[in-house]
Amino acid sequence: MKHVWAILAKFVIIGVVVLSFLSIFDPPFTEILLIAIVTTLISYIVGDLGILRMGNTAASIGDFILSFATIGFLSYVMIEQTWSILAASFFASLAITAIEILFHIFMKNRVYPDRNQEPKRNIRFQDRRFATEFAEETNYTDQGKTEINEKEKR
């Protein structure tokens, strides 16, 4: 159930961004909806289930590449074949990536709370016999020389 809420939240985020950036070109609402659905599914499966394990930065970079490729390709094919649609797709992907940084924090805290915990490491030695000792080293050659020098002085 956690994944369903995460997908719905991601769909709303991507849907609002895509609607606001691509509505300039006056496409049908169904095309914008289809672009948002496909982008959400690809970004969630690849980015949030796969790449997010490597960290927030890697997942954000991956989400930018995935969203730009998906939105750019689908809008270029379905809406209009111009460079301006690719520019709008680029800026939509930047906006999605900025929001995705916060979404990844949500994913780590709410969907994957087990991954946040680092394994407990017991560093203390229970058996003190094997603990490391620290001591100063004595230079025996220096002591021997000082003893010899003192005998020669007498």
C-alpha atoms as a PDB file:
ATOM      1  CA  MET A   1       0.000   0.000   0.000  1.00  0.00           C
ATOM      2  CA  LYS A   2       2.960   2.296   0.614  1.00  0.00           C
ATOM      3  CA  HIS A   3       4.017   1.946  -3.014  1.00  0.00           C
ATOM      4  CA  VAL A   4       0.526   2.859  -4.245  1.00  0.00           C
ATOM      5  CA  TRP A   5       0.589   6.111  -2.279  1.00  0.00           C
ATOM      6  CA  ALA A   6       4.102   6.841  -3.485  1.00  0.00           C
ATOM      7  CA  ILE A   7       3.109   6.262  -7.131  1.00  0.00           C
ATOM      8  CA  LEU A   8       0.029   8.469  -6.728  1.00  0.00           C
ATOM      9  CA  ALA A   9       2.087  11.254  -5.153  1.00  0.00           C
ATOM     10  CA  LYS A  10       4.661  10.990  -7.928  1.00  0.00           C
ATOM     11  CA  PHE A  11       1.902  11.005 -10.570  1.00  0.00           C
ATOM     12  CA  VAL A  12       0.372  14.165  -9.119  1.00  0.00           C
ATOM     13  CA  ILE A  13       3.776  15.884  -9.053  1.00  0.00           C
ATOM     14  CA  ILE A  14       4.677  14.892 -12.603  1.00  0.00           C
ATOM     15  CA  GLY A  15       1.153  15.577 -13.860  1.00  0.00           C
ATOM     16  CA  VAL A  16       1.110  19.131 -12.511  1.00  0.00           C
ATOM     17  CA  VAL A  17       4.570  19.910 -13.884  1.00  0.00           C
ATOM     18  CA  VAL A  18       3.877  18.407 -17.312  1.00  0.00           C
ATOM     19  CA  LEU A  19       0.501  20.153 -17.509  1.00  0.00           C
ATOM     20  CA  SER A  20       2.009  23.510 -16.612  1.00  0.00           C
ATOM     21  CA  PHE A  21       4.938  23.281 -19.050  1.00  0.00           C
ATOM     22  CA  LEU A  22       3.311  21.563 -22.026  1.00  0.00           C
ATOM     23  CA  SER A  23      -0.041  23.371 -21.922  1.00  0.00           C
ATOM     24  CA  ILE A  24       1.658  26.205 -23.828  1.00  0.00           C
ATOM     25  CA  PHE A  25       1.433  24.077 -26.975  1.00  0.00           C
ATOM     26  CA  ASP A  26      -2.317  23.451 -26.494  1.00  0.00           C
ATOM     27  CA  PRO A  27      -2.275  19.648 -26.647  1.00  0.00           C
ATOM     28  CA  PRO A  28      -5.295  17.496 -25.793  1.00  0.00           C
ATOM     29  CA  PHE A  29      -5.580  16.668 -22.109  1.00  0.00           C
ATOM     30  CA  THR A  30      -5.416  12.940 -22.847  1.00  0.00           C
ATOM     31  CA  GLU A  31      -1.938  13.320 -24.354  1.00  0.00           C
ATOM     32  CA  ILE A  32      -0.687  15.185 -21.299  1.00  0.00           C
ATOM     33  CA  LEU A  33      -2.264  12.528 -19.095  1.00  0.00           C
ATOM     34  CA  LEU A  34      -0.601   9.750 -21.092  1.00  0.00           C
ATOM     35  CA  ILE A  35       2.793  11.488 -20.917  1.00  0.00           C
ATOM     36  CA  ALA A  36       2.403  11.889 -17.142  1.00  0.00           C
ATOM     37  CA  ILE A  37       1.392   8.234 -16.641  1.00  0.00           C
ATOM     38  CA  VAL A  38       4.230   6.814 -18.741  1.00  0.00           C
ATOM     39  CA  THR A  39       6.795   9.132 -17.151  1.00  0.00           C
ATOM     40  CA  THR A  40       5.560   8.252 -13.668  1.00  0.00           C
ATOM     41  CA  LEU A  41       5.731   4.512 -14.226  1.00  0.00           C
ATOM     42  CA  ILE A  42       9.168   4.528 -15.871  1.00  0.00           C
ATOM     43  CA  SER A  43      10.603   6.958 -13.333  1.00  0.00           C
ATOM     44  CA  TYR A  44       9.203   5.040 -10.366  1.00  0.00           C
ATOM     45  CA  ILE A  45      10.256   1.585 -11.511  1.00  0.00           C
ATOM     46  CA  VAL A  46      13.736   2.504 -12.707  1.00  0.00           C
ATOM     47  CA  GLY A  47      14.545   5.532 -10.560  1.00  0.00           C
ATOM     48  CA  ASP A  48      12.862   4.991  -7.221  1.00  0.00           C
ATOM     49  CA  LEU A  49      12.946   1.214  -6.987  1.00  0.00           C
ATOM     50  CA  GLY A  50      16.358   0.737  -8.587  1.00  0.00           C
ATOM     51  CA  ILE A  51      18.633   3.764  -8.613  1.00  0.00           C
ATOM     52  CA  LEU A  52      17.517   5.208  -5.249  1.00  0.00           C
ATOM     53  CA  ARG A  53      19.507   2.480  -3.503  1.00  0.00           C
ATOM     54  CA  MET A  54      22.697   4.191  -4.725  1.00  0.00           C
ATOM     55  CA  GLY A  55      21.788   7.480  -3.070  1.00  0.00           C
ATOM     56  CA  ASN A  56      19.753  10.625  -3.534  1.00  0.00           C
ATOM     57  CA  THR A  57      22.191  12.278  -5.940  1.00  0.00           C
ATOM     58  CA  ALA A  58      22.394   9.310  -8.288  1.00  0.00           C
ATOM     59  CA  ALA A  59      18.623   8.891  -8.190  1.00  0.00           C
ATOM     60  CA  SER A  60      18.063  12.586  -8.950  1.00  0.00           C
ATOM     61  CA  ILE A  61      20.434  12.485 -11.920  1.00  0.00           C
ATOM     62  CA  GLY A  62      18.793   9.294 -13.130  1.00  0.00           C
ATOM     63  CA  ASP A  63      15.326  10.802 -12.725  1.00  0.00           C
ATOM     64  CA  PHE A  64      16.352  13.858 -14.732  1.00  0.00           C
ATOM     65  CA  ILE A  65      17.662  11.732 -17.595  1.00  0.00           C
ATOM     66  CA  LEU A  66      14.642   9.429 -17.532  1.00  0.00           C
ATOM     67  CA  SER A  67      12.072  12.207 -17.321  1.00  0.00           C
ATOM     68  CA  PHE A  68      13.737  14.275 -20.040  1.00  0.00           C
ATOM     69  CA  ALA A  69      13.999  11.284 -22.357  1.00  0.00           C
ATOM     70  CA  THR A  70      10.415  10.196 -21.722  1.00  0.00           C
ATOM     71  CA  ILE A  71       8.749  13.606 -21.780  1.00  0.00           C
ATOM     72  CA  GLY A  72      10.910  14.802 -24.658  1.00  0.00           C
ATOM     73  CA  PHE A  73      10.280  11.747 -26.821  1.00  0.00           C
ATOM     74  CA  LEU A  74       6.550  11.469 -26.141  1.00  0.00           C
ATOM     75  CA  SER A  75       5.859  15.180 -26.524  1.00  0.00           C
ATOM     76  CA  TYR A  76       7.971  15.353 -29.684  1.00  0.00           C
ATOM     77  CA  VAL A  77       6.043  12.446 -31.204  1.00  0.00           C
ATOM     78  CA  MET A  78       2.545  13.217 -29.911  1.00  0.00           C
ATOM     79  CA  ILE A  79       2.302  16.989 -29.617  1.00  0.00           C
ATOM     80  CA  GLU A  80       4.628  18.891 -31.912  1.00  0.00           C
ATOM     81  CA  GLN A  81       7.902  18.270 -33.688  1.00  0.00           C
ATOM     82  CA  THR A  82       9.809  21.420 -32.841  1.00  0.00           C
ATOM     83  CA  TRP A  83      12.839  22.340 -30.791  1.00  0.00           C
ATOM     84  CA  SER A  84      10.699  24.433 -28.471  1.00  0.00           C
ATOM     85  CA  ILE A  85       8.849  21.317 -27.260  1.00  0.00           C
ATOM     86  CA  LEU A  86      12.214  19.802 -26.349  1.00  0.00           C
ATOM     87  CA  ALA A  87      13.133  22.986 -24.477  1.00  0.00           C
ATOM     88  CA  ALA A  88       9.846  22.809 -22.571  1.00  0.00           C
ATOM     89  CA  SER A  89      10.557  19.140 -21.844  1.00  0.00           C
ATOM     90  CA  PHE A  90      14.011  20.073 -20.553  1.00  0.00           C
ATOM     91  CA  PHE A  91      12.647  22.679 -18.144  1.00  0.00           C
ATOM     92  CA  ALA A  92       9.837  20.355 -17.062  1.00  0.00           C
ATOM     93  CA  SER A  93      12.467  17.724 -16.291  1.00  0.00           C
ATOM     94  CA  LEU A  94      14.463  20.253 -14.258  1.00  0.00           C
ATOM     95  CA  ALA A  95      11.354  21.105 -12.231  1.00  0.00           C
ATOM     96  CA  ILE A  96      10.559  17.418 -11.714  1.00  0.00           C
ATOM     97  CA  THR A  97      14.134  16.758 -10.593  1.00  0.00           C
ATOM     98  CA  ALA A  98      13.989  19.602  -8.067  1.00  0.00           C
ATOM     99  CA  ILE A  99      10.825  18.125  -6.571  1.00  0.00           C
ATOM    100  CA  GLU A 100      12.192  14.571  -6.811  1.00  0.00           C
ATOM    101  CA  ILE A 101      14.925  15.432  -4.307  1.00  0.00           C
ATOM    102  CA  LEU A 102      12.222  15.937  -1.676  1.00  0.00           C
ATOM    103  CA  PHE A 103      10.299  12.910  -2.956  1.00  0.00           C
ATOM    104  CA  HIS A 104      13.365  10.720  -2.437  1.00  0.00           C
ATOM    105  CA  ILE A 105      13.554  11.837   1.181  1.00  0.00           C
ATOM    106  CA  PHE A 106       9.880  10.886   1.513  1.00  0.00           C
ATOM    107  CA  MET A 107      10.612   7.503  -0.063  1.00  0.00           C
ATOM    108  CA  LYS A 108      13.490   6.799   2.313  1.00  0.00           C
ATOM    109  CA  ASN A 109      11.511   7.797   5.404  1.00  0.00           C
ATOM    110  CA  ARG A 110       8.056   6.405   4.599  1.00  0.00           C
ATOM    111  CA  VAL A 111       8.373   3.654   2.015  1.00  0.00           C
ATOM    112  CA  TYR A 112      11.802   2.243   2.878  1.00  0.00           C
ATOM    113  CA  PRO A 113      12.304   2.905   6.601  1.00  0.00           C
ATOM    114  CA  ASP A 114      14.375  -0.300   6.927  1.00  0.00           C
ATOM    115  CA  ARG A 115      17.061   0.982   4.558  1.00  0.00           C
ATOM    116  CA  ASN A 116      17.787   4.030   6.729  1.00  0.00           C
ATOM    117  CA  GLN A 117      19.065   1.992   9.627  1.00  0.00           C
ATOM    118  CA  GLU A 118      22.721   1.170   9.487  1.00  0.00           C
ATOM    119  CA  PRO A 119      23.731  -2.209  10.808  1.00  0.00           C
ATOM    120  CA  LYS A 120      24.772  -2.106  14.427  1.00  0.00           C
ATOM    121  CA  ARG A 121      28.439  -2.739  14.865  1.00  0.00           C
ATOM    122  CA  ASN A 122      29.762  -3.811  18.216  1.00  0.00           C
ATOM    123  CA  ILE A 123      33.233  -2.322  18.337  1.00  0.00           C
ATOM    124  CA  ARG A 124      33.903  -2.800  22.050  1.00  0.00           C
ATOM    125  CA  PHE A 125      36.062  -5.723  23.039  1.00  0.00           C
ATOM    126  CA  GLN A 126      34.270  -8.029  25.407  1.00  0.00           C
ATOM    127  CA  ASP A 127      37.437  -9.936  26.211  1.00  0.00           C
ATOM    128  CA  ARG A 128      40.091  -7.501  27.418  1.00  0.00           C
ATOM    129  CA  ARG A 129      42.908 -10.003  26.897  1.00  0.00           C
ATOM    130  CA  PHE A 130      43.030  -9.122  23.208  1.00  0.00           C
ATOM    131  CA  ALA A 131      42.923  -5.342  23.556  1.00  0.00           C
ATOM    132  CA  THR A 132      45.760  -3.260  22.151  1.00  0.00           C
ATOM    133  CA  GLU A 133      48.251  -1.739  24.571  1.00  0.00           C
ATOM    134  CA  PHE A 134      50.043   1.517  24.030  1.00  0.00           C
ATOM    135  CA  ALA A 135      53.500   2.131  25.443  1.00  0.00           C
ATOM    136  CA  GLU A 136      56.615   4.121  24.746  1.00  0.00           C
ATOM    137  CA  GLU A 137      59.490   2.373  23.062  1.00  0.00           C
ATOM    138  CA  THR A 138      62.875   2.500  24.722  1.00  0.00           C
ATOM    139  CA  ASN A 139      65.985   2.643  22.639  1.00  0.00           C
ATOM    140  CA  TYR A 140      68.375   0.170  24.217  1.00  0.00           C
ATOM    141  CA  THR A 141      71.354   1.292  22.158  1.00  0.00           C
ATOM    142  CA  ASP A 142      71.085   4.796  23.563  1.00  0.00           C
ATOM    143  CA  GLN A 143      70.952   3.489  27.126  1.00  0.00           C
ATOM    144  CA  GLY A 144      73.955   1.260  26.495  1.00  0.00           C
ATOM    145  CA  LYS A 145      75.945   4.169  25.073  1.00  0.00           C
ATOM    146  CA  THR A 146      75.123   6.379  27.986  1.00  0.00           C
ATOM    147  CA  GLU A 147      76.240   3.678  30.401  1.00  0.00           C
ATOM    148  CA  ILE A 148      79.490   3.230  28.477  1.00  0.00           C
ATOM    149  CA  ASN A 149      80.076   6.965  28.311  1.00  0.00           C
ATOM    150  CA  GLU A 150      79.554   7.294  32.056  1.00  0.00           C
ATOM    151  CA  LYS A 151      82.101   4.492  32.729  1.00  0.00           C
ATOM    152  CA  GLU A 152      84.668   6.143  30.444  1.00  0.00           C
ATOM    153  CA  LYS A 153      84.265   9.449  32.244  1.00  0.00           C
ATOM    154  CA  ARG A 154      85.217   7.858  35.574  1.00  0.00           C
END
